[in-house]
C-alpha atoms as a PDB file:
ATOM      1  CA  MET A   1      28.063   6.257   0.234  1.00  0.00           C
ATOM      2  CA  LEU A   2      25.545   3.882  -1.304  1.00  0.00           C
ATOM      3  CA  GLN A   3      23.559   3.904   1.926  1.00  0.00           C
ATOM      4  CA  ARG A   4      23.249   7.693   1.837  1.00  0.00           C
ATOM      5  CA  ILE A   5      22.044   7.612  -1.763  1.00  0.00           C
ATOM      6  CA  ALA A   6      19.458   4.957  -0.911  1.00  0.00           C
ATOM      7  CA  LEU A   7      18.327   6.989   2.097  1.00  0.00           C
ATOM      8  CA  ALA A   8      17.984  10.128  -0.023  1.00  0.00           C
ATOM      9  CA  MET A   9      15.975   8.241  -2.654  1.00  0.00           C
ATOM     10  CA  ALA A  10      13.667   6.795   0.012  1.00  0.00           C
ATOM     11  CA  ALA A  11      13.118  10.239   1.535  1.00  0.00           C
ATOM     12  CA  GLY A  12      12.368  11.672  -1.910  1.00  0.00           C
ATOM     13  CA  ALA A  13       9.860   8.912  -2.569  1.00  0.00           C
ATOM     14  CA  LEU A  14       8.124   9.607   0.755  1.00  0.00           C
ATOM     15  CA  VAL A  15       7.889  13.292  -0.076  1.00  0.00           C
ATOM     16  CA  ALA A  16       6.688  12.766  -3.662  1.00  0.00           C
ATOM     17  CA  ALA A  17       4.112  10.028  -3.002  1.00  0.00           C
ATOM     18  CA  PRO A  18       1.294  12.252  -1.632  1.00  0.00           C
ATOM     19  CA  VAL A  19       1.747  14.777  -4.434  1.00  0.00           C
ATOM     20  CA  VAL A  20       1.512  12.076  -7.094  1.00  0.00           C
ATOM     21  CA  ALA A  21      -1.492  10.459  -5.395  1.00  0.00           C
ATOM     22  CA  GLN A  22      -3.334  13.767  -5.143  1.00  0.00           C
ATOM     23  CA  ALA A  23      -2.718  14.556  -8.794  1.00  0.00           C
ATOM     24  CA  ALA A  24      -3.988  11.139  -9.851  1.00  0.00           C
ATOM     25  CA  THR A  25      -7.284  11.383  -7.950  1.00  0.00           C
ATOM     26  CA  SER A  26      -8.150  14.996  -8.741  1.00  0.00           C
ATOM     27  CA  SER A  27     -10.046  14.135 -11.947  1.00  0.00           C
ATOM     28  CA  ARG A  28     -12.495  11.762 -10.260  1.00  0.00           C
ATOM     29  CA  ALA A  29     -16.070  12.884  -9.804  1.00  0.00           C
ATOM     30  CA  PRO A  30     -18.050  11.917  -6.733  1.00  0.00           C
ATOM     31  CA  ALA A  31     -20.610   9.182  -7.150  1.00  0.00           C
ATOM     32  CA  LYS A  32     -24.306   9.900  -6.747  1.00  0.00           C
ATOM     33  CA  SER A  33     -25.777   8.730  -3.523  1.00  0.00           C
ATOM     34  CA  GLU A  34     -29.475   8.123  -3.473  1.00  0.00           C
ATOM     35  CA  ASP A  35     -31.167   7.941  -0.108  1.00  0.00           C
ATOM     36  CA  ALA A  36     -28.176   9.541   1.585  1.00  0.00           C
ATOM     37  CA  GLU A  37     -30.403  10.982   4.285  1.00  0.00           C
ATOM     38  CA  LYS A  38     -31.952   7.611   5.053  1.00  0.00           C
ATOM     39  CA  LEU A  39     -28.986   6.159   6.867  1.00  0.00           C
ATOM     40  CA  GLY A  40     -30.263   3.298   8.967  1.00  0.00           C
ATOM     41  CA  GLY A  41     -28.340   3.077  12.193  1.00  0.00           C
ATOM     42  CA  GLY A  42     -28.786   0.212  14.580  1.00  0.00           C
ATOM     43  CA  ILE A  43     -28.424   0.058  18.315  1.00  0.00           C
ATOM     44  CA  LEU A  44     -26.483  -3.217  18.311  1.00  0.00           C
ATOM     45  CA  LEU A  45     -23.038  -1.842  17.449  1.00  0.00           C
ATOM     46  CA  PRO A  46     -23.078   0.941  20.079  1.00  0.00           C
ATOM     47  CA  LEU A  47     -24.277  -1.535  22.698  1.00  0.00           C
ATOM     48  CA  LEU A  48     -21.517  -3.996  21.837  1.00  0.00           C
ATOM     49  CA  ALA A  49     -18.927  -1.218  21.985  1.00  0.00           C
ATOM     50  CA  ALA A  50     -20.197  -0.076  25.387  1.00  0.00           C
ATOM     51  CA  ALA A  51     -20.152  -3.670  26.666  1.00  0.00           C
ATOM     52  CA  ALA A  52     -16.575  -4.116  25.436  1.00  0.00           C
ATOM     53  CA  VAL A  53     -15.451  -0.922  27.168  1.00  0.00           C
ATOM     54  CA  ALA A  54     -17.236  -1.940  30.376  1.00  0.00           C
ATOM     55  CA  ALA A  55     -15.625  -5.393  30.257  1.00  0.00           C
ATOM     56  CA  LEU A  56     -12.183  -3.865  29.764  1.00  0.00           C
ATOM     57  CA  ILE A  57     -12.665  -1.468  32.672  1.00  0.00           C
ATOM     58  CA  ALA A  58     -13.944  -4.292  34.888  1.00  0.00           C
ATOM     59  CA  PHE A  59     -10.962  -6.461  33.969  1.00  0.00           C
ATOM     60  CA  VAL A  60      -8.506  -3.687  34.829  1.00  0.00           C
ATOM     61  CA  ILE A  61     -10.216  -2.919  38.136  1.00  0.00           C
ATOM     62  CA  ILE A  62     -10.729  -6.551  39.228  1.00  0.00           C
ATOM     63  CA  ASP A  63      -7.239  -7.721  38.216  1.00  0.00           C
ATOM     64  CA  ASP A  64      -5.330  -7.485  41.517  1.00  0.00           C
ATOM     65  CA  ASP A  65      -2.125  -9.131  40.388  1.00  0.00           C
ATOM     66  CA  ASP A  66       0.232  -6.562  41.868  1.00  0.00           C
ATOM     67  CA  ALA A  67       2.919  -9.110  42.777  1.00  0.00           C
ATOM     68  CA  PRO A  68       6.370  -8.423  41.358  1.00  0.00           C
ATOM     69  CA  ALA A  69       7.467 -10.540  38.403  1.00  0.00           C
ATOM     70  CA  SER A  70      10.796 -11.472  39.996  1.00  0.00           C
ATOM     71  CA  PRO A  71      11.260 -12.611  43.622  1.00  0.00           C
END
């Protein structure tokens, strides 16, 4: 019986949490952002991401360990 009550309370908390969080943040005003259009993007991060994806694909293709784990 106690387990069912605890489960019901946990479910109620999960349902109520987003409603309470939304009500708490609704009075906040957005901050001013100067130079919002001057976002400086670099080429380093996209290159590193592409290299990581290429390395992962190469590892999957080159890895020929198709032997079964048990004899």
